[in-house]
Amino acid sequence: MKTITAGDYTVEFDLEEEIYDEFLDNYFDKTNPMGEVSQFKLYVQLELERRLNDFPNQGVDGPKDYYIKIAQITFAFDNALIINWLKERGKHIKTEKWEKAA
C-alpha cells in the first residue's frame, strides 16, 4: 500500500459548487501567474492530501511513517452536449457542407 500508483488506484468524485466558491473566496490569487484552473487543482490536491493524512493509522502498513501524496488530478466536466455539437460540425466539414459547419 505504500506504493499505490494510478494504475492501481483511481478515484472519481463530484465537486460541489460550494467547494469552488470556497476556493474563489479564500484562496484564488489573481496576481499569481498560475491560471485559475491550475490554482484550483493545487487547492483540491492539497486539501485532499491534508484530509487523507489526518485519518488515523489503520495499521495496514505498520507504523505511519509515510505521507499520502496525490500524483495527478484531472478535471472533467459534463460536456456531452458540446461534444455532440462538435461531432455534428465535423460531419458537415467532412462532407463539405460549409454553410452548416459554421
PDB file of N, CA and C in Angstrom:
ATOM      1  N   MET A   1       0.807  -1.194   0.000  1.00  0.00           N
ATOM      2  CA  MET A   1       0.000   0.000   0.000  1.00  0.00           C
ATOM      3  C   MET A   1       0.853   1.264   0.000  1.00  0.00           C
ATOM      4  N   LYS A   2       2.112   1.162   0.341  1.00  0.00           N
ATOM      5  CA  LYS A   2       2.954   2.357   0.374  1.00  0.00           C
ATOM      6  C   LYS A   2       3.294   2.840  -1.031  1.00  0.00           C
ATOM      7  N   THR A   3       3.109   2.007  -2.017  1.00  0.00           N
ATOM      8  CA  THR A   3       3.493   2.379  -3.384  1.00  0.00           C
ATOM      9  C   THR A   3       2.315   2.253  -4.353  1.00  0.00           C
ATOM     10  N   ILE A   4       1.160   2.714  -3.947  1.00  0.00           N
ATOM     11  CA  ILE A   4      -0.003   2.687  -4.831  1.00  0.00           C
ATOM     12  C   ILE A   4       0.234   3.669  -5.975  1.00  0.00           C
ATOM     13  N   THR A   5      -0.038   3.229  -7.186  1.00  0.00           N
ATOM     14  CA  THR A   5       0.119   4.092  -8.353  1.00  0.00           C
ATOM     15  C   THR A   5      -1.233   4.309  -9.014  1.00  0.00           C
ATOM     16  N   ALA A   6      -1.258   5.210  -9.987  1.00  0.00           N
ATOM     17  CA  ALA A   6      -2.504   5.495 -10.701  1.00  0.00           C
ATOM     18  C   ALA A   6      -3.061   4.247 -11.362  1.00  0.00           C
ATOM     19  N   GLY A   7      -2.182   3.348 -11.778  1.00  0.00           N
ATOM     20  CA  GLY A   7      -2.650   2.103 -12.376  1.00  0.00           C
ATOM     21  C   GLY A   7      -3.357   1.214 -11.362  1.00  0.00           C
ATOM     22  N   ASP A   8      -3.051   1.410 -10.090  1.00  0.00           N
ATOM     23  CA  ASP A   8      -3.655   0.615  -9.027  1.00  0.00           C
ATOM     24  C   ASP A   8      -4.915   1.258  -8.453  1.00  0.00           C
ATOM     25  N   TYR A   9      -4.962   2.573  -8.486  1.00  0.00           N
ATOM     26  CA  TYR A   9      -5.991   3.246  -7.706  1.00  0.00           C
ATOM     27  C   TYR A   9      -6.376   4.573  -8.347  1.00  0.00           C
ATOM     28  N   THR A  10      -7.579   4.654  -8.813  1.00  0.00           N
ATOM     29  CA  THR A  10      -8.102   5.895  -9.370  1.00  0.00           C
ATOM     30  C   THR A  10      -9.423   6.191  -8.689  1.00  0.00           C
ATOM     31  N   VAL A  11      -9.667   7.438  -8.370  1.00  0.00           N
ATOM     32  CA  VAL A  11     -10.885   7.836  -7.674  1.00  0.00           C
ATOM     33  C   VAL A  11     -11.606   8.883  -8.502  1.00  0.00           C
ATOM     34  N   GLU A  12     -12.904   8.708  -8.606  1.00  0.00           N
ATOM     35  CA  GLU A  12     -13.745   9.723  -9.255  1.00  0.00           C
ATOM     36  C   GLU A  12     -14.668  10.288  -8.188  1.00  0.00           C
ATOM     37  N   PHE A  13     -14.784  11.608  -8.146  1.00  0.00           N
ATOM     38  CA  PHE A  13     -15.679  12.221  -7.180  1.00  0.00           C
ATOM     39  C   PHE A  13     -16.212  13.526  -7.746  1.00  0.00           C
ATOM     40  N   ASP A  14     -17.380  13.893  -7.282  1.00  0.00           N
ATOM     41  CA  ASP A  14     -18.010  15.143  -7.701  1.00  0.00           C
ATOM     42  C   ASP A  14     -17.591  16.257  -6.757  1.00  0.00           C
ATOM     43  N   LEU A  15     -17.397  17.439  -7.307  1.00  0.00           N
ATOM     44  CA  LEU A  15     -17.109  18.617  -6.501  1.00  0.00           C
ATOM     45  C   LEU A  15     -18.355  19.487  -6.481  1.00  0.00           C
ATOM     46  N   GLU A  16     -18.778  19.825  -5.311  1.00  0.00           N
ATOM     47  CA  GLU A  16     -19.936  20.701  -5.163  1.00  0.00           C
ATOM     48  C   GLU A  16     -19.520  22.145  -5.458  1.00  0.00           C
ATOM     49  N   GLU A  17     -20.477  22.925  -5.882  1.00  0.00           N
ATOM     50  CA  GLU A  17     -20.202  24.320  -6.217  1.00  0.00           C
ATOM     51  C   GLU A  17     -19.641  25.080  -5.009  1.00  0.00           C
ATOM     52  N   GLU A  18     -20.032  24.682  -3.811  1.00  0.00           N
ATOM     53  CA  GLU A  18     -19.553  25.350  -2.599  1.00  0.00           C
ATOM     54  C   GLU A  18     -18.036  25.224  -2.447  1.00  0.00           C
ATOM     55  N   ILE A  19     -17.475  24.108  -2.898  1.00  0.00           N
ATOM     56  CA  ILE A  19     -16.018  23.917  -2.827  1.00  0.00           C
ATOM     57  C   ILE A  19     -15.318  24.957  -3.698  1.00  0.00           C
ATOM     58  N   TYR A  20     -15.842  25.132  -4.903  1.00  0.00           N
ATOM     59  CA  TYR A  20     -15.256  26.111  -5.819  1.00  0.00           C
ATOM     60  C   TYR A  20     -15.424  27.521  -5.267  1.00  0.00           C
ATOM     61  N   ASP A  21     -16.592  27.805  -4.705  1.00  0.00           N
ATOM     62  CA  ASP A  21     -16.829  29.124  -4.113  1.00  0.00           C
ATOM     63  C   ASP A  21     -15.849  29.386  -2.965  1.00  0.00           C
ATOM     64  N   GLU A  22     -15.599  28.365  -2.140  1.00  0.00           N
ATOM     65  CA  GLU A  22     -14.628  28.484  -1.047  1.00  0.00           C
ATOM     66  C   GLU A  22     -13.239  28.824  -1.593  1.00  0.00           C
ATOM     67  N   PHE A  23     -12.862  28.140  -2.675  1.00  0.00           N
ATOM     68  CA  PHE A  23     -11.577  28.420  -3.324  1.00  0.00           C
ATOM     69  C   PHE A  23     -11.521  29.869  -3.804  1.00  0.00           C
ATOM     70  N   LEU A  24     -12.557  30.300  -4.525  1.00  0.00           N
ATOM     71  CA  LEU A  24     -12.563  31.670  -5.062  1.00  0.00           C
ATOM     72  C   LEU A  24     -12.517  32.710  -3.951  1.00  0.00           C
ATOM     73  N   ASP A  25     -13.285  32.485  -2.902  1.00  0.00           N
ATOM     74  CA  ASP A  25     -13.376  33.469  -1.820  1.00  0.00           C
ATOM     75  C   ASP A  25     -12.119  33.552  -0.963  1.00  0.00           C
ATOM     76  N   ASN A  26     -11.409  32.414  -0.799  1.00  0.00           N
ATOM     77  CA  ASN A  26     -10.335  32.388   0.188  1.00  0.00           C
ATOM     78  C   ASN A  26      -8.943  32.058  -0.332  1.00  0.00           C
ATOM     79  N   TYR A  27      -8.845  31.512  -1.539  1.00  0.00           N
ATOM     80  CA  TYR A  27      -7.531  31.037  -1.987  1.00  0.00           C
ATOM     81  C   TYR A  27      -7.092  31.550  -3.354  1.00  0.00           C
ATOM     82  N   PHE A  28      -8.026  31.859  -4.234  1.00  0.00           N
ATOM     83  CA  PHE A  28      -7.665  32.283  -5.587  1.00  0.00           C
ATOM     84  C   PHE A  28      -6.922  33.606  -5.547  1.00  0.00           C
ATOM     85  N   ASP A  29      -5.781  33.650  -6.237  1.00  0.00           N
ATOM     86  CA  ASP A  29      -4.935  34.841  -6.275  1.00  0.00           C
ATOM     87  C   ASP A  29      -4.811  35.298  -7.728  1.00  0.00           C
ATOM     88  N   LYS A  30      -5.476  36.396  -8.061  1.00  0.00           N
ATOM     89  CA  LYS A  30      -5.456  36.906  -9.438  1.00  0.00           C
ATOM     90  C   LYS A  30      -4.065  37.348  -9.869  1.00  0.00           C
ATOM     91  N   THR A  31      -3.192  37.648  -8.913  1.00  0.00           N
ATOM     92  CA  THR A  31      -1.839  38.091  -9.262  1.00  0.00           C
ATOM     93  C   THR A  31      -0.887  36.916  -9.480  1.00  0.00           C
ATOM     94  N   ASN A  32      -1.313  35.717  -9.150  1.00  0.00           N
ATOM     95  CA  ASN A  32      -0.476  34.521  -9.320  1.00  0.00           C
ATOM     96  C   ASN A  32      -0.362  34.191 -10.804  1.00  0.00           C
ATOM     97  N   PRO A  33       0.857  33.943 -11.317  1.00  0.00           N
ATOM     98  CA  PRO A  33       0.992  33.607 -12.741  1.00  0.00           C
ATOM     99  C   PRO A  33       0.349  32.272 -13.122  1.00  0.00           C
ATOM    100  N   MET A  34       0.074  31.420 -12.121  1.00  0.00           N
ATOM    101  CA  MET A  34      -0.672  30.189 -12.415  1.00  0.00           C
ATOM    102  C   MET A  34      -2.109  30.571 -12.736  1.00  0.00           C
ATOM    103  N   GLY A  35      -2.671  29.930 -13.723  1.00  0.00           N
ATOM    104  CA  GLY A  35      -4.053  30.214 -14.088  1.00  0.00           C
ATOM    105  C   GLY A  35      -5.021  29.750 -13.010  1.00  0.00           C
ATOM    106  N   GLU A  36      -6.270  30.142 -13.166  1.00  0.00           N
ATOM    107  CA  GLU A  36      -7.304  29.808 -12.188  1.00  0.00           C
ATOM    108  C   GLU A  36      -7.475  28.292 -12.036  1.00  0.00           C
ATOM    109  N   VAL A  37      -7.512  27.572 -13.152  1.00  0.00           N
ATOM    110  CA  VAL A  37      -7.705  26.118 -13.088  1.00  0.00           C
ATOM    111  C   VAL A  37      -6.509  25.454 -12.401  1.00  0.00           C
ATOM    112  N   SER A  38      -5.297  25.910 -12.710  1.00  0.00           N
ATOM    113  CA  SER A  38      -4.107  25.332 -12.072  1.00  0.00           C
ATOM    114  C   SER A  38      -4.117  25.589 -10.570  1.00  0.00           C
ATOM    115  N   GLN A  39      -4.506  26.776 -10.179  1.00  0.00           N
ATOM    116  CA  GLN A  39      -4.596  27.085  -8.753  1.00  0.00           C
ATOM    117  C   GLN A  39      -5.667  26.226  -8.084  1.00  0.00           C
ATOM    118  N   PHE A  40      -6.782  26.013  -8.769  1.00  0.00           N
ATOM    119  CA  PHE A  40      -7.857  25.209  -8.197  1.00  0.00           C
ATOM    120  C   PHE A  40      -7.414  23.751  -8.047  1.00  0.00           C
ATOM    121  N   LYS A  41      -6.720  23.217  -9.065  1.00  0.00           N
ATOM    122  CA  LYS A  41      -6.220  21.843  -8.966  1.00  0.00           C
ATOM    123  C   LYS A  41      -5.281  21.696  -7.777  1.00  0.00           C
ATOM    124  N   LEU A  42      -4.400  22.653  -7.594  1.00  0.00           N
ATOM    125  CA  LEU A  42      -3.471  22.609  -6.466  1.00  0.00           C
ATOM    126  C   LEU A  42      -4.233  22.693  -5.145  1.00  0.00           C
ATOM    127  N   TYR A  43      -5.236  23.550  -5.078  1.00  0.00           N
ATOM    128  CA  TYR A  43      -6.067  23.668  -3.878  1.00  0.00           C
ATOM    129  C   TYR A  43      -6.738  22.336  -3.551  1.00  0.00           C
ATOM    130  N   VAL A  44      -7.337  21.698  -4.556  1.00  0.00           N
ATOM    131  CA  VAL A  44      -8.012  20.410  -4.349  1.00  0.00           C
ATOM    132  C   VAL A  44      -6.995  19.355  -3.908  1.00  0.00           C
ATOM    133  N   GLN A  45      -5.837  19.313  -4.562  1.00  0.00           N
ATOM    134  CA  GLN A  45      -4.805  18.344  -4.202  1.00  0.00           C
ATOM    135  C   GLN A  45      -4.366  18.515  -2.755  1.00  0.00           C
ATOM    136  N   LEU A  46      -4.035  19.724  -2.377  1.00  0.00           N
ATOM    137  CA  LEU A  46      -3.548  19.970  -1.017  1.00  0.00           C
ATOM    138  C   LEU A  46      -4.625  19.678   0.028  1.00  0.00           C
ATOM    139  N   GLU A  47      -5.859  20.014  -0.290  1.00  0.00           N
ATOM    140  CA  GLU A  47      -6.957  19.757   0.649  1.00  0.00           C
ATOM    141  C   GLU A  47      -7.199  18.253   0.808  1.00  0.00           C
ATOM    142  N   LEU A  48      -7.178  17.512  -0.299  1.00  0.00           N
ATOM    143  CA  LEU A  48      -7.356  16.058  -0.220  1.00  0.00           C
ATOM    144  C   LEU A  48      -6.198  15.398   0.534  1.00  0.00           C
ATOM    145  N   GLU A  49      -4.977  15.818   0.238  1.00  0.00           N
ATOM    146  CA  GLU A  49      -3.818  15.259   0.944  1.00  0.00           C
ATOM    147  C   GLU A  49      -3.918  15.524   2.443  1.00  0.00           C
ATOM    148  N   ARG A  50      -4.302  16.740   2.795  1.00  0.00           N
ATOM    149  CA  ARG A  50      -4.441  17.081   4.217  1.00  0.00           C
ATOM    150  C   ARG A  50      -5.476  16.180   4.884  1.00  0.00           C
ATOM    151  N   ARG A  51      -6.624  16.027   4.237  1.00  0.00           N
ATOM    152  CA  ARG A  51      -7.691  15.211   4.832  1.00  0.00           C
ATOM    153  C   ARG A  51      -7.292  13.742   4.921  1.00  0.00           C
ATOM    154  N   LEU A  52      -6.659  13.212   3.874  1.00  0.00           N
ATOM    155  CA  LEU A  52      -6.248  11.806   3.890  1.00  0.00           C
ATOM    156  C   LEU A  52      -5.194  11.545   4.959  1.00  0.00           C
ATOM    157  N   ASN A  53      -4.276  12.479   5.114  1.00  0.00           N
ATOM    158  CA  ASN A  53      -3.219  12.296   6.106  1.00  0.00           C
ATOM    159  C   ASN A  53      -3.709  12.518   7.534  1.00  0.00           C
ATOM    160  N   ASP A  54      -4.877  13.137   7.690  1.00  0.00           N
ATOM    161  CA  ASP A  54      -5.459  13.319   9.024  1.00  0.00           C
ATOM    162  C   ASP A  54      -6.173  12.062   9.519  1.00  0.00           C
ATOM    163  N   PHE A  55      -6.455  11.103   8.620  1.00  0.00           N
ATOM    164  CA  PHE A  55      -7.100   9.857   9.049  1.00  0.00           C
ATOM    165  C   PHE A  55      -6.181   9.118  10.009  1.00  0.00           C
ATOM    166  N   PRO A  56      -6.762   8.462  11.003  1.00  0.00           N
ATOM    167  CA  PRO A  56      -5.915   7.674  11.911  1.00  0.00           C
ATOM    168  C   PRO A  56      -5.303   6.475  11.194  1.00  0.00           C
ATOM    169  N   ASN A  57      -4.110   6.096  11.621  1.00  0.00           N
ATOM    170  CA  ASN A  57      -3.414   4.947  11.059  1.00  0.00           C
ATOM    171  C   ASN A  57      -4.223   3.687  11.361  1.00  0.00           C
ATOM    172  N   GLN A  58      -4.516   2.904  10.323  1.00  0.00           N
ATOM    173  CA  GLN A  58      -5.273   1.669  10.490  1.00  0.00           C
ATOM    174  C   GLN A  58      -4.365   0.451  10.674  1.00  0.00           C
ATOM    175  N   GLY A  59      -3.064   0.645  10.674  1.00  0.00           N
ATOM    176  CA  GLY A  59      -2.127  -0.432  10.923  1.00  0.00           C
ATOM    177  C   GLY A  59      -1.866  -1.335   9.735  1.00  0.00           C
ATOM    178  N   VAL A  60      -2.365  -0.995   8.553  1.00  0.00           N
ATOM    179  CA  VAL A  60      -2.190  -1.844   7.373  1.00  0.00           C
ATOM    180  C   VAL A  60      -0.725  -1.940   6.990  1.00  0.00           C
ATOM    181  N   ASP A  61      -0.017  -0.847   7.056  1.00  0.00           N
ATOM    182  CA  ASP A  61       1.394  -0.813   6.670  1.00  0.00           C
ATOM    183  C   ASP A  61       2.317  -0.688   7.873  1.00  0.00           C
ATOM    184  N   GLY A  62       1.828  -0.982   9.045  1.00  0.00           N
ATOM    185  CA  GLY A  62       2.655  -0.804  10.229  1.00  0.00           C
ATOM    186  C   GLY A  62       2.583   0.641  10.696  1.00  0.00           C
ATOM    187  N   PRO A  63       3.620   1.106  11.366  1.00  0.00           N
ATOM    188  CA  PRO A  63       3.606   2.490  11.866  1.00  0.00           C
ATOM    189  C   PRO A  63       3.462   3.489  10.724  1.00  0.00           C
ATOM    190  N   LYS A  64       2.727   4.551  10.987  1.00  0.00           N
ATOM    191  CA  LYS A  64       2.520   5.560   9.942  1.00  0.00           C
ATOM    192  C   LYS A  64       3.746   6.452   9.870  1.00  0.00           C
ATOM    193  N   ASP A  65       4.658   6.082   8.983  1.00  0.00           N
ATOM    194  CA  ASP A  65       5.866   6.867   8.779  1.00  0.00           C
ATOM    195  C   ASP A  65       5.920   7.374   7.345  1.00  0.00           C
ATOM    196  N   TYR A  66       4.774   7.563   6.753  1.00  0.00           N
ATOM    197  CA  TYR A  66       4.688   7.996   5.364  1.00  0.00           C
ATOM    198  C   TYR A  66       3.668   9.118   5.251  1.00  0.00           C
ATOM    199  N   TYR A  67       3.715   9.781   4.136  1.00  0.00           N
ATOM    200  CA  TYR A  67       2.794  10.872   3.855  1.00  0.00           C
ATOM    201  C   TYR A  67       2.079  10.556   2.548  1.00  0.00           C
ATOM    202  N   ILE A  68       0.756  10.569   2.567  1.00  0.00           N
ATOM    203  CA  ILE A  68      -0.019  10.317   1.347  1.00  0.00           C
ATOM    204  C   ILE A  68       0.135  11.518   0.428  1.00  0.00           C
ATOM    205  N   LYS A  69       0.508  11.249  -0.808  1.00  0.00           N
ATOM    206  CA  LYS A  69       0.739  12.296  -1.811  1.00  0.00           C
ATOM    207  C   LYS A  69      -0.057  11.952  -3.056  1.00  0.00           C
ATOM    208  N   ILE A  70      -0.799  12.907  -3.577  1.00  0.00           N
ATOM    209  CA  ILE A  70      -1.578  12.717  -4.805  1.00  0.00           C
ATOM    210  C   ILE A  70      -0.710  13.113  -5.987  1.00  0.00           C
ATOM    211  N   ALA A  71      -0.601  12.209  -6.958  1.00  0.00           N
ATOM    212  CA  ALA A  71       0.282  12.435  -8.099  1.00  0.00           C
ATOM    213  C   ALA A  71      -0.387  13.235  -9.205  1.00  0.00           C
ATOM    214  N   GLN A  72      -1.659  13.010  -9.449  1.00  0.00           N
ATOM    215  CA  GLN A  72      -2.304  13.650 -10.603  1.00  0.00           C
ATOM    216  C   GLN A  72      -3.782  13.872 -10.329  1.00  0.00           C
ATOM    217  N   ILE A  73      -4.268  15.022 -10.714  1.00  0.00           N
ATOM    218  CA  ILE A  73      -5.704  15.321 -10.680  1.00  0.00           C
ATOM    219  C   ILE A  73      -6.099  15.767 -12.077  1.00  0.00           C
ATOM    220  N   THR A  74      -7.166  15.201 -12.572  1.00  0.00           N
ATOM    221  CA  THR A  74      -7.703  15.590 -13.875  1.00  0.00           C
ATOM    222  C   THR A  74      -9.164  15.973 -13.693  1.00  0.00           C
ATOM    223  N   PHE A  75      -9.515  17.143 -14.163  1.00  0.00           N
ATOM    224  CA  PHE A  75     -10.905  17.575 -14.078  1.00  0.00           C
ATOM    225  C   PHE A  75     -11.635  17.209 -15.355  1.00  0.00           C
ATOM    226  N   ALA A  76     -12.861  16.757 -15.216  1.00  0.00           N
ATOM    227  CA  ALA A  76     -13.745  16.507 -16.348  1.00  0.00           C
ATOM    228  C   ALA A  76     -15.069  17.191 -16.043  1.00  0.00           C
ATOM    229  N   PHE A  77     -15.726  17.609 -17.087  1.00  0.00           N
ATOM    230  CA  PHE A  77     -16.971  18.338 -16.911  1.00  0.00           C
ATOM    231  C   PHE A  77     -18.077  17.638 -17.682  1.00  0.00           C
ATOM    232  N   ASP A  78     -19.306  17.922 -17.321  1.00  0.00           N
ATOM    233  CA  ASP A  78     -20.462  17.361 -18.008  1.00  0.00           C
ATOM    234  C   ASP A  78     -20.600  18.105 -19.338  1.00  0.00           C
ATOM    235  N   ASN A  79     -19.894  17.629 -20.362  1.00  0.00           N
ATOM    236  CA  ASN A  79     -19.823  18.360 -21.619  1.00  0.00           C
ATOM    237  C   ASN A  79     -20.303  17.545 -22.812  1.00  0.00           C
ATOM    238  N   ALA A  80     -21.196  16.580 -22.587  1.00  0.00           N
ATOM    239  CA  ALA A  80     -21.690  15.730 -23.680  1.00  0.00           C
ATOM    240  C   ALA A  80     -22.364  16.554 -24.768  1.00  0.00           C
ATOM    241  N   LEU A  81     -23.105  17.576 -24.405  1.00  0.00           N
ATOM    242  CA  LEU A  81     -23.797  18.410 -25.400  1.00  0.00           C
ATOM    243  C   LEU A  81     -22.792  19.087 -26.331  1.00  0.00           C
ATOM    244  N   ILE A  82     -21.740  19.645 -25.778  1.00  0.00           N
ATOM    245  CA  ILE A  82     -20.720  20.309 -26.594  1.00  0.00           C
ATOM    246  C   ILE A  82     -20.016  19.304 -27.506  1.00  0.00           C
ATOM    247  N   ILE A  83     -19.697  18.144 -26.981  1.00  0.00           N
ATOM    248  CA  ILE A  83     -19.047  17.114 -27.798  1.00  0.00           C
ATOM    249  C   ILE A  83     -19.942  16.721 -28.963  1.00  0.00           C
ATOM    250  N   ASN A  84     -21.225  16.570 -28.718  1.00  0.00           N
ATOM    251  CA  ASN A  84     -22.154  16.228 -29.807  1.00  0.00           C
ATOM    252  C   ASN A  84     -22.232  17.337 -30.848  1.00  0.00           C
ATOM    253  N   TRP A  85     -22.207  18.599 -30.412  1.00  0.00           N
ATOM    254  CA  TRP A  85     -22.195  19.714 -31.370  1.00  0.00           C
ATOM    255  C   TRP A  85     -20.936  19.652 -32.235  1.00  0.00           C
ATOM    256  N   LEU A  86     -19.799  19.378 -31.623  1.00  0.00           N
ATOM    257  CA  LEU A  86     -18.544  19.299 -32.375  1.00  0.00           C
ATOM    258  C   LEU A  86     -18.544  18.122 -33.350  1.00  0.00           C
ATOM    259  N   LYS A  87     -19.132  17.016 -32.955  1.00  0.00           N
ATOM    260  CA  LYS A  87     -19.251  15.872 -33.877  1.00  0.00           C
ATOM    261  C   LYS A  87     -20.103  16.241 -35.082  1.00  0.00           C
ATOM    262  N   GLU A  88     -21.209  16.901 -34.824  1.00  0.00           N
ATOM    263  CA  GLU A  88     -22.102  17.329 -35.912  1.00  0.00           C
ATOM    264  C   GLU A  88     -21.373  18.298 -36.840  1.00  0.00           C
ATOM    265  N   ARG A  89     -20.654  19.244 -36.281  1.00  0.00           N
ATOM    266  CA  ARG A  89     -19.884  20.193 -37.088  1.00  0.00           C
ATOM    267  C   ARG A  89     -18.828  19.455 -37.918  1.00  0.00           C
ATOM    268  N   GLY A  90     -18.134  18.495 -37.294  1.00  0.00           N
ATOM    269  CA  GLY A  90     -17.130  17.715 -38.005  1.00  0.00           C
ATOM    270  C   GLY A  90     -17.718  16.939 -39.171  1.00  0.00           C
ATOM    271  N   LYS A  91     -18.931  16.429 -38.984  1.00  0.00           N
ATOM    272  CA  LYS A  91     -19.611  15.710 -40.072  1.00  0.00           C
ATOM    273  C   LYS A  91     -19.864  16.650 -41.254  1.00  0.00           C
ATOM    274  N   HIS A  92     -20.269  17.878 -40.963  1.00  0.00           N
ATOM    275  CA  HIS A  92     -20.523  18.848 -42.037  1.00  0.00           C
ATOM    276  C   HIS A  92     -19.222  19.261 -42.731  1.00  0.00           C
ATOM    277  N   ILE A  93     -18.152  19.396 -41.975  1.00  0.00           N
ATOM    278  CA  ILE A  93     -16.860  19.731 -42.579  1.00  0.00           C
ATOM    279  C   ILE A  93     -16.407  18.574 -43.472  1.00  0.00           C
ATOM    280  N   LYS A  94     -16.547  17.358 -42.990  1.00  0.00           N
ATOM    281  CA  LYS A  94     -16.127  16.182 -43.755  1.00  0.00           C
ATOM    282  C   LYS A  94     -16.893  16.080 -45.080  1.00  0.00           C
ATOM    283  N   THR A  95     -18.159  16.431 -45.061  1.00  0.00           N
ATOM    284  CA  THR A  95     -18.980  16.345 -46.284  1.00  0.00           C
ATOM    285  C   THR A  95     -19.000  17.662 -47.053  1.00  0.00           C
ATOM    286  N   GLU A  96     -18.164  18.609 -46.615  1.00  0.00           N
ATOM    287  CA  GLU A  96     -18.007  19.915 -47.260  1.00  0.00           C
ATOM    288  C   GLU A  96     -19.314  20.698 -47.351  1.00  0.00           C
ATOM    289  N   LYS A  97     -20.127  20.605 -46.326  1.00  0.00           N
ATOM    290  CA  LYS A  97     -21.346  21.415 -46.226  1.00  0.00           C
ATOM    291  C   LYS A  97     -20.996  22.613 -45.340  1.00  0.00           C
ATOM    292  N   TRP A  98     -20.232  23.513 -45.935  1.00  0.00           N
ATOM    293  CA  TRP A  98     -19.631  24.614 -45.191  1.00  0.00           C
ATOM    294  C   TRP A  98     -20.670  25.521 -44.543  1.00  0.00           C
ATOM    295  N   GLU A  99     -21.801  25.703 -45.188  1.00  0.00           N
ATOM    296  CA  GLU A  99     -22.831  26.589 -44.628  1.00  0.00           C
ATOM    297  C   GLU A  99     -23.385  26.037 -43.325  1.00  0.00           C
ATOM    298  N   LYS A 100     -23.358  24.709 -43.155  1.00  0.00           N
ATOM    299  CA  LYS A 100     -23.846  24.101 -41.919  1.00  0.00           C
ATOM    300  C   LYS A 100     -22.741  23.947 -40.872  1.00  0.00           C
ATOM    301  N   ALA A 101     -21.502  24.094 -41.289  1.00  0.00           N
ATOM    302  CA  ALA A 101     -20.373  23.889 -40.395  1.00  0.00           C
ATOM    303  C   ALA A 101     -20.071  25.105 -39.521  1.00  0.00           C
ATOM    304  N   ALA A 102     -20.637  26.236 -39.857  1.00  0.00           N
ATOM    305  CA  ALA A 102     -20.324  27.478 -39.130  1.00  0.00           C
ATOM    306  C   ALA A 102     -20.804  27.486 -37.715  1.00  0.00           C
TER     307      ALA A 102
END
